[in-house]
């Protein structure tokens, strides 16, 4: 997990289990903090959920994937939503889930 570039707005990177680059932008991190204020976890936890998930599922739309990490945050599961464009992913949000869907 690294901080990429010299952009004044930070961008954090990780790799998913297939080796695809996944980015957490400042906008994605800010959205998660603002909309899901109860999710009191550091951004590294979101990146870890993508790199080392306990479970994964295809999302509702094409190019969307859901990554789950168990036992972090205020509920049983952390869900991280990633949108892929070719072989590059962008974390768009993350939130707590009581049960595994």
PDB file of N, CA and C in Angstrom:
ATOM      1  N   UNK A   1       0.847  -1.164   0.000  1.00  0.00           N
ATOM      2  CA  UNK A   1       0.000   0.000   0.000  1.00  0.00           C
ATOM      3  C   UNK A   1       0.899   1.235   0.000  1.00  0.00           C
ATOM      4  N   UNK A   2       0.702   2.066  -0.969  1.00  0.00           N
ATOM      5  CA  UNK A   2       1.582   3.219  -1.096  1.00  0.00           C
ATOM      6  C   UNK A   2       0.773   4.468  -1.397  1.00  0.00           C
ATOM      7  N   UNK A   3       1.391   5.595  -1.134  1.00  0.00           N
ATOM      8  CA  UNK A   3       0.846   6.883  -1.524  1.00  0.00           C
ATOM      9  C   UNK A   3       1.433   7.200  -2.887  1.00  0.00           C
ATOM     10  N   UNK A   4       0.574   7.450  -3.872  1.00  0.00           N
ATOM     11  CA  UNK A   4       1.038   7.599  -5.254  1.00  0.00           C
ATOM     12  C   UNK A   4       1.122   9.055  -5.671  1.00  0.00           C
ATOM     13  N   UNK A   5       2.138   9.354  -6.451  1.00  0.00           N
ATOM     14  CA  UNK A   5       2.235  10.658  -7.103  1.00  0.00           C
ATOM     15  C   UNK A   5       2.545  11.802  -6.164  1.00  0.00           C
ATOM     16  N   UNK A   6       2.555  12.987  -6.725  1.00  0.00           N
ATOM     17  CA  UNK A   6       2.812  14.194  -5.947  1.00  0.00           C
ATOM     18  C   UNK A   6       1.626  15.124  -5.991  1.00  0.00           C
ATOM     19  N   UNK A   7       0.478  14.574  -6.217  1.00  0.00           N
ATOM     20  CA  UNK A   7      -0.767  15.309  -6.244  1.00  0.00           C
ATOM     21  C   UNK A   7      -1.025  15.898  -4.864  1.00  0.00           C
ATOM     22  N   UNK A   8      -1.470  17.165  -4.763  1.00  0.00           N
ATOM     23  CA  UNK A   8      -1.779  17.716  -3.445  1.00  0.00           C
ATOM     24  C   UNK A   8      -2.932  16.970  -2.773  1.00  0.00           C
ATOM     25  N   UNK A   9      -3.765  16.311  -3.549  1.00  0.00           N
ATOM     26  CA  UNK A   9      -4.813  15.448  -3.008  1.00  0.00           C
ATOM     27  C   UNK A   9      -4.250  14.032  -2.994  1.00  0.00           C
ATOM     28  N   UNK A  10      -4.093  13.428  -1.838  1.00  0.00           N
ATOM     29  CA  UNK A  10      -3.464  12.115  -1.783  1.00  0.00           C
ATOM     30  C   UNK A  10      -4.269  11.040  -2.491  1.00  0.00           C
ATOM     31  N   UNK A  11      -3.548  10.048  -2.969  1.00  0.00           N
ATOM     32  CA  UNK A  11      -4.120   8.859  -3.584  1.00  0.00           C
ATOM     33  C   UNK A  11      -3.353   7.678  -3.001  1.00  0.00           C
ATOM     34  N   UNK A  12      -4.103   6.705  -2.493  1.00  0.00           N
ATOM     35  CA  UNK A  12      -3.484   5.517  -1.919  1.00  0.00           C
ATOM     36  C   UNK A  12      -3.746   4.335  -2.831  1.00  0.00           C
ATOM     37  N   UNK A  13      -2.797   3.417  -2.904  1.00  0.00           N
ATOM     38  CA  UNK A  13      -2.888   2.288  -3.834  1.00  0.00           C
ATOM     39  C   UNK A  13      -2.689   0.966  -3.119  1.00  0.00           C
ATOM     40  N   UNK A  14      -3.293  -0.062  -3.689  1.00  0.00           N
ATOM     41  CA  UNK A  14      -3.055  -1.439  -3.278  1.00  0.00           C
ATOM     42  C   UNK A  14      -3.284  -2.315  -4.498  1.00  0.00           C
ATOM     43  N   UNK A  15      -3.148  -3.603  -4.336  1.00  0.00           N
ATOM     44  CA  UNK A  15      -3.418  -4.578  -5.399  1.00  0.00           C
ATOM     45  C   UNK A  15      -4.471  -5.551  -4.887  1.00  0.00           C
ATOM     46  N   UNK A  16      -5.413  -5.902  -5.754  1.00  0.00           N
ATOM     47  CA  UNK A  16      -6.403  -6.897  -5.382  1.00  0.00           C
ATOM     48  C   UNK A  16      -5.783  -8.285  -5.529  1.00  0.00           C
ATOM     49  N   UNK A  17      -6.479  -9.354  -5.131  1.00  0.00           N
ATOM     50  CA  UNK A  17      -5.887 -10.695  -5.218  1.00  0.00           C
ATOM     51  C   UNK A  17      -5.465 -11.133  -6.621  1.00  0.00           C
ATOM     52  N   UNK A  18      -6.019 -10.509  -7.675  1.00  0.00           N
ATOM     53  CA  UNK A  18      -5.586 -10.812  -9.043  1.00  0.00           C
ATOM     54  C   UNK A  18      -4.397  -9.963  -9.475  1.00  0.00           C
ATOM     55  N   UNK A  19      -3.956  -9.063  -8.631  1.00  0.00           N
ATOM     56  CA  UNK A  19      -2.821  -8.213  -8.961  1.00  0.00           C
ATOM     57  C   UNK A  19      -3.193  -6.908  -9.642  1.00  0.00           C
ATOM     58  N   UNK A  20      -4.485  -6.637  -9.769  1.00  0.00           N
ATOM     59  CA  UNK A  20      -4.922  -5.381 -10.403  1.00  0.00           C
ATOM     60  C   UNK A  20      -4.726  -4.212  -9.438  1.00  0.00           C
ATOM     61  N   UNK A  21      -4.305  -3.090  -9.982  1.00  0.00           N
ATOM     62  CA  UNK A  21      -4.124  -1.881  -9.193  1.00  0.00           C
ATOM     63  C   UNK A  21      -5.488  -1.347  -8.765  1.00  0.00           C
ATOM     64  N   UNK A  22      -5.626  -1.019  -7.481  1.00  0.00           N
ATOM     65  CA  UNK A  22      -6.847  -0.421  -6.940  1.00  0.00           C
ATOM     66  C   UNK A  22      -6.441   0.830  -6.177  1.00  0.00           C
ATOM     67  N   UNK A  23      -7.143   1.929  -6.471  1.00  0.00           N
ATOM     68  CA  UNK A  23      -6.808   3.243  -5.925  1.00  0.00           C
ATOM     69  C   UNK A  23      -7.902   3.704  -4.978  1.00  0.00           C
ATOM     70  N   UNK A  24      -7.497   4.297  -3.874  1.00  0.00           N
ATOM     71  CA  UNK A  24      -8.400   5.034  -2.994  1.00  0.00           C
ATOM     72  C   UNK A  24      -8.030   6.494  -3.142  1.00  0.00           C
ATOM     73  N   UNK A  25      -8.892   7.258  -3.811  1.00  0.00           N
ATOM     74  CA  UNK A  25      -8.624   8.680  -4.017  1.00  0.00           C
ATOM     75  C   UNK A  25      -9.069   9.468  -2.790  1.00  0.00           C
ATOM     76  N   UNK A  26      -8.639  10.714  -2.742  1.00  0.00           N
ATOM     77  CA  UNK A  26      -9.081  11.596  -1.674  1.00  0.00           C
ATOM     78  C   UNK A  26     -10.608  11.723  -1.701  1.00  0.00           C
ATOM     79  N   UNK A  27     -11.191  11.807  -2.885  1.00  0.00           N
ATOM     80  CA  UNK A  27     -12.647  11.939  -3.009  1.00  0.00           C
ATOM     81  C   UNK A  27     -13.354  10.700  -2.459  1.00  0.00           C
ATOM     82  N   UNK A  28     -12.853   9.515  -2.760  1.00  0.00           N
ATOM     83  CA  UNK A  28     -13.448   8.289  -2.244  1.00  0.00           C
ATOM     84  C   UNK A  28     -13.330   8.180  -0.738  1.00  0.00           C
ATOM     85  N   UNK A  29     -12.172   8.557  -0.210  1.00  0.00           N
ATOM     86  CA  UNK A  29     -11.952   8.531   1.237  1.00  0.00           C
ATOM     87  C   UNK A  29     -12.860   9.561   1.921  1.00  0.00           C
ATOM     88  N   UNK A  30     -12.941  10.755   1.370  1.00  0.00           N
ATOM     89  CA  UNK A  30     -13.778  11.811   1.936  1.00  0.00           C
ATOM     90  C   UNK A  30     -15.252  11.388   1.913  1.00  0.00           C
ATOM     91  N   UNK A  31     -15.708  10.801   0.803  1.00  0.00           N
ATOM     92  CA  UNK A  31     -17.090  10.323   0.714  1.00  0.00           C
ATOM     93  C   UNK A  31     -17.381   9.319   1.823  1.00  0.00           C
ATOM     94  N   UNK A  32     -16.476   8.360   2.009  1.00  0.00           N
ATOM     95  CA  UNK A  32     -16.677   7.329   3.021  1.00  0.00           C
ATOM     96  C   UNK A  32     -16.763   7.942   4.410  1.00  0.00           C
ATOM     97  N   UNK A  33     -15.895   8.872   4.716  1.00  0.00           N
ATOM     98  CA  UNK A  33     -15.923   9.523   6.030  1.00  0.00           C
ATOM     99  C   UNK A  33     -17.196  10.336   6.238  1.00  0.00           C
ATOM    100  N   UNK A  34     -17.646  11.015   5.197  1.00  0.00           N
ATOM    101  CA  UNK A  34     -18.811  11.898   5.299  1.00  0.00           C
ATOM    102  C   UNK A  34     -20.121  11.120   5.340  1.00  0.00           C
ATOM    103  N   UNK A  35     -20.272  10.138   4.480  1.00  0.00           N
ATOM    104  CA  UNK A  35     -21.534   9.405   4.368  1.00  0.00           C
ATOM    105  C   UNK A  35     -21.655   8.247   5.359  1.00  0.00           C
ATOM    106  N   UNK A  36     -20.530   7.702   5.772  1.00  0.00           N
ATOM    107  CA  UNK A  36     -20.543   6.527   6.652  1.00  0.00           C
ATOM    108  C   UNK A  36     -19.687   6.821   7.884  1.00  0.00           C
ATOM    109  N   UNK A  37     -20.074   7.863   8.590  1.00  0.00           N
ATOM    110  CA  UNK A  37     -19.309   8.381   9.735  1.00  0.00           C
ATOM    111  C   UNK A  37     -19.133   7.338  10.833  1.00  0.00           C
ATOM    112  N   UNK A  38     -20.033   6.343  10.901  1.00  0.00           N
ATOM    113  CA  UNK A  38     -19.930   5.311  11.926  1.00  0.00           C
ATOM    114  C   UNK A  38     -18.798   4.328  11.648  1.00  0.00           C
ATOM    115  N   UNK A  39     -18.299   4.327  10.441  1.00  0.00           N
ATOM    116  CA  UNK A  39     -17.211   3.427  10.067  1.00  0.00           C
ATOM    117  C   UNK A  39     -15.895   4.047  10.520  1.00  0.00           C
ATOM    118  N   UNK A  40     -15.524   3.756  11.719  1.00  0.00           N
ATOM    119  CA  UNK A  40     -14.348   4.371  12.339  1.00  0.00           C
ATOM    120  C   UNK A  40     -13.130   3.462  12.163  1.00  0.00           C
ATOM    121  N   UNK A  41     -12.642   3.384  10.919  1.00  0.00           N
ATOM    122  CA  UNK A  41     -11.459   2.585  10.624  1.00  0.00           C
ATOM    123  C   UNK A  41     -10.488   3.446   9.804  1.00  0.00           C
ATOM    124  N   UNK A  42      -9.200   3.184   9.918  1.00  0.00           N
ATOM    125  CA  UNK A  42      -8.243   3.936   9.094  1.00  0.00           C
ATOM    126  C   UNK A  42      -8.340   3.515   7.628  1.00  0.00           C
ATOM    127  N   UNK A  43      -7.898   4.379   6.748  1.00  0.00           N
ATOM    128  CA  UNK A  43      -7.973   4.089   5.306  1.00  0.00           C
ATOM    129  C   UNK A  43      -7.183   2.836   4.941  1.00  0.00           C
ATOM    130  N   UNK A  44      -6.154   2.514   5.702  1.00  0.00           N
ATOM    131  CA  UNK A  44      -5.372   1.306   5.431  1.00  0.00           C
ATOM    132  C   UNK A  44      -6.234   0.042   5.561  1.00  0.00           C
ATOM    133  N   UNK A  45      -7.269   0.113   6.387  1.00  0.00           N
ATOM    134  CA  UNK A  45      -8.163  -1.025   6.541  1.00  0.00           C
ATOM    135  C   UNK A  45      -8.970  -1.253   5.273  1.00  0.00           C
ATOM    136  N   UNK A  46      -9.398  -0.187   4.606  1.00  0.00           N
ATOM    137  CA  UNK A  46     -10.097  -0.320   3.331  1.00  0.00           C
ATOM    138  C   UNK A  46      -9.182  -0.961   2.296  1.00  0.00           C
ATOM    139  N   UNK A  47      -7.950  -0.510   2.250  1.00  0.00           N
ATOM    140  CA  UNK A  47      -6.982  -1.062   1.304  1.00  0.00           C
ATOM    141  C   UNK A  47      -6.701  -2.532   1.603  1.00  0.00           C
ATOM    142  N   UNK A  48      -6.627  -2.883   2.885  1.00  0.00           N
ATOM    143  CA  UNK A  48      -6.389  -4.264   3.275  1.00  0.00           C
ATOM    144  C   UNK A  48      -7.570  -5.158   2.904  1.00  0.00           C
ATOM    145  N   UNK A  49      -8.789  -4.625   3.011  1.00  0.00           N
ATOM    146  CA  UNK A  49      -9.974  -5.402   2.630  1.00  0.00           C
ATOM    147  C   UNK A  49      -9.929  -5.776   1.158  1.00  0.00           C
ATOM    148  N   UNK A  50      -9.378  -4.902   0.330  1.00  0.00           N
ATOM    149  CA  UNK A  50      -9.250  -5.186  -1.107  1.00  0.00           C
ATOM    150  C   UNK A  50      -8.088  -6.152  -1.364  1.00  0.00           C
ATOM    151  N   UNK A  51      -6.982  -5.942  -0.700  1.00  0.00           N
ATOM    152  CA  UNK A  51      -5.796  -6.773  -0.930  1.00  0.00           C
ATOM    153  C   UNK A  51      -5.946  -8.178  -0.353  1.00  0.00           C
ATOM    154  N   UNK A  52      -6.609  -8.284   0.805  1.00  0.00           N
ATOM    155  CA  UNK A  52      -6.713  -9.562   1.519  1.00  0.00           C
ATOM    156  C   UNK A  52      -8.133  -9.784   2.020  1.00  0.00           C
ATOM    157  N   UNK A  53      -9.108  -9.865   1.130  1.00  0.00           N
ATOM    158  CA  UNK A  53     -10.500  -9.968   1.578  1.00  0.00           C
ATOM    159  C   UNK A  53     -10.812 -11.342   2.185  1.00  0.00           C
ATOM    160  N   UNK A  54     -11.778 -11.348   3.098  1.00  0.00           N
ATOM    161  CA  UNK A  54     -12.303 -12.621   3.603  1.00  0.00           C
ATOM    162  C   UNK A  54     -13.309 -13.206   2.619  1.00  0.00           C
ATOM    163  N   UNK A  55     -13.942 -12.326   1.832  1.00  0.00           N
ATOM    164  CA  UNK A  55     -14.914 -12.762   0.821  1.00  0.00           C
ATOM    165  C   UNK A  55     -15.025 -11.692  -0.251  1.00  0.00           C
ATOM    166  N   UNK A  56     -15.512 -12.112  -1.439  1.00  0.00           N
ATOM    167  CA  UNK A  56     -15.719 -11.194  -2.569  1.00  0.00           C
ATOM    168  C   UNK A  56     -16.974 -11.596  -3.312  1.00  0.00           C
ATOM    169  N   UNK A  57     -17.609 -10.587  -3.919  1.00  0.00           N
ATOM    170  CA  UNK A  57     -18.782 -10.851  -4.764  1.00  0.00           C
ATOM    171  C   UNK A  57     -18.796  -9.861  -5.915  1.00  0.00           C
ATOM    172  N   UNK A  58     -19.399 -10.276  -6.999  1.00  0.00           N
ATOM    173  CA  UNK A  58     -19.637  -9.342  -8.097  1.00  0.00           C
ATOM    174  C   UNK A  58     -20.662  -8.312  -7.631  1.00  0.00           C
ATOM    175  N   UNK A  59     -20.495  -7.084  -8.075  1.00  0.00           N
ATOM    176  CA  UNK A  59     -21.431  -6.021  -7.716  1.00  0.00           C
ATOM    177  C   UNK A  59     -22.661  -6.035  -8.594  1.00  0.00           C
ATOM    178  N   UNK A  60     -23.488  -5.016  -8.428  1.00  0.00           N
ATOM    179  CA  UNK A  60     -24.731  -4.915  -9.192  1.00  0.00           C
ATOM    180  C   UNK A  60     -24.498  -4.530 -10.646  1.00  0.00           C
ATOM    181  N   UNK A  61     -23.445  -3.782 -10.904  1.00  0.00           N
ATOM    182  CA  UNK A  61     -23.215  -3.335 -12.273  1.00  0.00           C
ATOM    183  C   UNK A  61     -21.934  -3.961 -12.820  1.00  0.00           C
ATOM    184  N   UNK A  62     -21.813  -3.913 -14.123  1.00  0.00           N
ATOM    185  CA  UNK A  62     -20.636  -4.446 -14.785  1.00  0.00           C
ATOM    186  C   UNK A  62     -19.404  -3.669 -14.317  1.00  0.00           C
ATOM    187  N   UNK A  63     -18.348  -4.377 -13.991  1.00  0.00           N
ATOM    188  CA  UNK A  63     -17.118  -3.726 -13.555  1.00  0.00           C
ATOM    189  C   UNK A  63     -17.097  -3.377 -12.083  1.00  0.00           C
ATOM    190  N   UNK A  64     -18.126  -3.789 -11.340  1.00  0.00           N
ATOM    191  CA  UNK A  64     -18.170  -3.495  -9.905  1.00  0.00           C
ATOM    192  C   UNK A  64     -17.913  -4.783  -9.128  1.00  0.00           C
ATOM    193  N   UNK A  65     -17.106  -4.674  -8.082  1.00  0.00           N
ATOM    194  CA  UNK A  65     -16.837  -5.816  -7.226  1.00  0.00           C
ATOM    195  C   UNK A  65     -16.894  -5.369  -5.770  1.00  0.00           C
ATOM    196  N   UNK A  66     -17.384  -6.273  -4.917  1.00  0.00           N
ATOM    197  CA  UNK A  66     -17.502  -5.994  -3.487  1.00  0.00           C
ATOM    198  C   UNK A  66     -16.500  -6.850  -2.735  1.00  0.00           C
ATOM    199  N   UNK A  67     -15.743  -6.218  -1.864  1.00  0.00           N
ATOM    200  CA  UNK A  67     -14.744  -6.883  -1.033  1.00  0.00           C
ATOM    201  C   UNK A  67     -15.187  -6.791   0.415  1.00  0.00           C
ATOM    202  N   UNK A  68     -15.066  -7.903   1.138  1.00  0.00           N
ATOM    203  CA  UNK A  68     -15.511  -7.967   2.529  1.00  0.00           C
ATOM    204  C   UNK A  68     -14.365  -8.364   3.445  1.00  0.00           C
ATOM    205  N   UNK A  69     -14.307  -7.685   4.589  1.00  0.00           N
ATOM    206  CA  UNK A  69     -13.349  -8.015   5.627  1.00  0.00           C
ATOM    207  C   UNK A  69     -14.131  -8.199   6.919  1.00  0.00           C
ATOM    208  N   UNK A  70     -13.883  -9.284   7.601  1.00  0.00           N
ATOM    209  CA  UNK A  70     -14.625  -9.625   8.811  1.00  0.00           C
ATOM    210  C   UNK A  70     -13.937  -9.067  10.064  1.00  0.00           C
ATOM    211  N   UNK A  71     -14.756  -8.591  11.015  1.00  0.00           N
ATOM    212  CA  UNK A  71     -14.256  -8.256  12.340  1.00  0.00           C
ATOM    213  C   UNK A  71     -13.564  -6.911  12.485  1.00  0.00           C
ATOM    214  N   UNK A  72     -13.808  -5.970  11.560  1.00  0.00           N
ATOM    215  CA  UNK A  72     -13.254  -4.621  11.708  1.00  0.00           C
ATOM    216  C   UNK A  72     -14.401  -3.620  11.668  1.00  0.00           C
ATOM    217  N   UNK A  73     -14.264  -2.547  12.373  1.00  0.00           N
ATOM    218  CA  UNK A  73     -15.310  -1.532  12.356  1.00  0.00           C
ATOM    219  C   UNK A  73     -16.431  -1.844  13.327  1.00  0.00           C
ATOM    220  N   UNK A  74     -17.522  -1.122  13.187  1.00  0.00           N
ATOM    221  CA  UNK A  74     -18.604  -1.213  14.177  1.00  0.00           C
ATOM    222  C   UNK A  74     -19.538  -2.406  13.982  1.00  0.00           C
ATOM    223  N   UNK A  75     -19.413  -3.148  12.908  1.00  0.00           N
ATOM    224  CA  UNK A  75     -20.279  -4.296  12.635  1.00  0.00           C
ATOM    225  C   UNK A  75     -19.439  -5.517  12.297  1.00  0.00           C
ATOM    226  N   UNK A  76     -20.130  -6.595  11.964  1.00  0.00           N
ATOM    227  CA  UNK A  76     -19.437  -7.855  11.688  1.00  0.00           C
ATOM    228  C   UNK A  76     -18.556  -7.787  10.452  1.00  0.00           C
ATOM    229  N   UNK A  77     -18.991  -7.016   9.429  1.00  0.00           N
ATOM    230  CA  UNK A  77     -18.283  -6.982   8.155  1.00  0.00           C
ATOM    231  C   UNK A  77     -18.016  -5.549   7.714  1.00  0.00           C
ATOM    232  N   UNK A  78     -16.907  -5.369   7.027  1.00  0.00           N
ATOM    233  CA  UNK A  78     -16.609  -4.147   6.287  1.00  0.00           C
ATOM    234  C   UNK A  78     -16.791  -4.477   4.817  1.00  0.00           C
ATOM    235  N   UNK A  79     -17.598  -3.688   4.118  1.00  0.00           N
ATOM    236  CA  UNK A  79     -17.808  -3.874   2.682  1.00  0.00           C
ATOM    237  C   UNK A  79     -17.152  -2.723   1.945  1.00  0.00           C
ATOM    238  N   UNK A  80     -16.308  -3.035   0.978  1.00  0.00           N
ATOM    239  CA  UNK A  80     -15.630  -2.031   0.167  1.00  0.00           C
ATOM    240  C   UNK A  80     -16.073  -2.232  -1.282  1.00  0.00           C
ATOM    241  N   UNK A  81     -16.570  -1.169  -1.905  1.00  0.00           N
ATOM    242  CA  UNK A  81     -17.066  -1.218  -3.273  1.00  0.00           C
ATOM    243  C   UNK A  81     -16.004  -0.652  -4.209  1.00  0.00           C
ATOM    244  N   UNK A  82     -15.626  -1.454  -5.204  1.00  0.00           N
ATOM    245  CA  UNK A  82     -14.601  -1.058  -6.176  1.00  0.00           C
ATOM    246  C   UNK A  82     -15.209  -1.094  -7.571  1.00  0.00           C
ATOM    247  N   UNK A  83     -15.015  -0.029  -8.320  1.00  0.00           N
ATOM    248  CA  UNK A  83     -15.399   0.014  -9.727  1.00  0.00           C
ATOM    249  C   UNK A  83     -14.131  -0.139 -10.561  1.00  0.00           C
ATOM    250  N   UNK A  84     -14.181  -1.065 -11.511  1.00  0.00           N
ATOM    251  CA  UNK A  84     -13.033  -1.337 -12.378  1.00  0.00           C
ATOM    252  C   UNK A  84     -13.256  -0.765 -13.763  1.00  0.00           C
ATOM    253  N   UNK A  85     -12.198  -0.209 -14.316  1.00  0.00           N
ATOM    254  CA  UNK A  85     -12.154   0.208 -15.709  1.00  0.00           C
ATOM    255  C   UNK A  85     -10.930  -0.492 -16.284  1.00  0.00           C
ATOM    256  N   UNK A  86     -11.170  -1.526 -17.063  1.00  0.00           N
ATOM    257  CA  UNK A  86     -10.118  -2.421 -17.567  1.00  0.00           C
ATOM    258  C   UNK A  86      -9.444  -3.084 -16.370  1.00  0.00           C
ATOM    259  N   UNK A  87      -8.165  -2.898 -16.170  1.00  0.00           N
ATOM    260  CA  UNK A  87      -7.455  -3.553 -15.071  1.00  0.00           C
ATOM    261  C   UNK A  87      -7.082  -2.593 -13.951  1.00  0.00           C
ATOM    262  N   UNK A  88      -7.838  -1.529 -13.795  1.00  0.00           N
ATOM    263  CA  UNK A  88      -7.577  -0.569 -12.723  1.00  0.00           C
ATOM    264  C   UNK A  88      -8.875  -0.338 -11.956  1.00  0.00           C
ATOM    265  N   UNK A  89      -8.793  -0.380 -10.633  1.00  0.00           N
ATOM    266  CA  UNK A  89      -9.974  -0.218  -9.808  1.00  0.00           C
ATOM    267  C   UNK A  89      -9.927   1.066  -9.000  1.00  0.00           C
ATOM    268  N   UNK A  90     -11.116   1.541  -8.656  1.00  0.00           N
ATOM    269  CA  UNK A  90     -11.264   2.738  -7.840  1.00  0.00           C
ATOM    270  C   UNK A  90     -12.229   2.422  -6.709  1.00  0.00           C
ATOM    271  N   UNK A  91     -11.788   2.620  -5.465  1.00  0.00           N
ATOM    272  CA  UNK A  91     -12.668   2.443  -4.319  1.00  0.00           C
ATOM    273  C   UNK A  91     -13.622   3.625  -4.294  1.00  0.00           C
ATOM    274  N   UNK A  92     -14.923   3.335  -4.383  1.00  0.00           N
ATOM    275  CA  UNK A  92     -15.908   4.416  -4.423  1.00  0.00           C
ATOM    276  C   UNK A  92     -16.597   4.630  -3.084  1.00  0.00           C
ATOM    277  N   UNK A  93     -16.671   3.591  -2.256  1.00  0.00           N
ATOM    278  CA  UNK A  93     -17.258   3.735  -0.929  1.00  0.00           C
ATOM    279  C   UNK A  93     -16.933   2.508  -0.100  1.00  0.00           C
ATOM    280  N   UNK A  94     -17.195   2.618   1.181  1.00  0.00           N
ATOM    281  CA  UNK A  94     -17.057   1.498   2.109  1.00  0.00           C
ATOM    282  C   UNK A  94     -18.029   1.741   3.254  1.00  0.00           C
ATOM    283  N   UNK A  95     -18.555   0.658   3.796  1.00  0.00           N
ATOM    284  CA  UNK A  95     -19.477   0.803   4.919  1.00  0.00           C
ATOM    285  C   UNK A  95     -19.569  -0.499   5.691  1.00  0.00           C
ATOM    286  N   UNK A  96     -20.136  -0.397   6.890  1.00  0.00           N
ATOM    287  CA  UNK A  96     -20.278  -1.546   7.779  1.00  0.00           C
ATOM    288  C   UNK A  96     -21.525  -2.341   7.396  1.00  0.00           C
ATOM    289  N   UNK A  97     -21.436  -3.675   7.564  1.00  0.00           N
ATOM    290  CA  UNK A  97     -22.569  -4.571   7.309  1.00  0.00           C
ATOM    291  C   UNK A  97     -22.717  -5.497   8.528  1.00  0.00           C
ATOM    292  N   UNK A  98     -23.924  -5.598   9.042  1.00  0.00           N
ATOM    293  CA  UNK A  98     -24.160  -6.513  10.168  1.00  0.00           C
ATOM    294  C   UNK A  98     -24.099  -7.969   9.742  1.00  0.00           C
ATOM    295  N   UNK A  99     -24.665  -8.243   8.568  1.00  0.00           N
ATOM    296  CA  UNK A  99     -24.689  -9.621   8.108  1.00  0.00           C
ATOM    297  C   UNK A  99     -24.038  -9.705   6.728  1.00  0.00           C
ATOM    298  N   UNK A 100     -23.625 -10.888   6.391  1.00  0.00           N
ATOM    299  CA  UNK A 100     -23.005 -11.117   5.097  1.00  0.00           C
ATOM    300  C   UNK A 100     -24.114 -11.394   4.085  1.00  0.00           C
ATOM    301  N   UNK A 101     -24.196 -10.588   3.028  1.00  0.00           N
ATOM    302  CA  UNK A 101     -25.278 -10.770   2.063  1.00  0.00           C
ATOM    303  C   UNK A 101     -25.133 -12.042   1.235  1.00  0.00           C
TER     304      UNK A 101
END
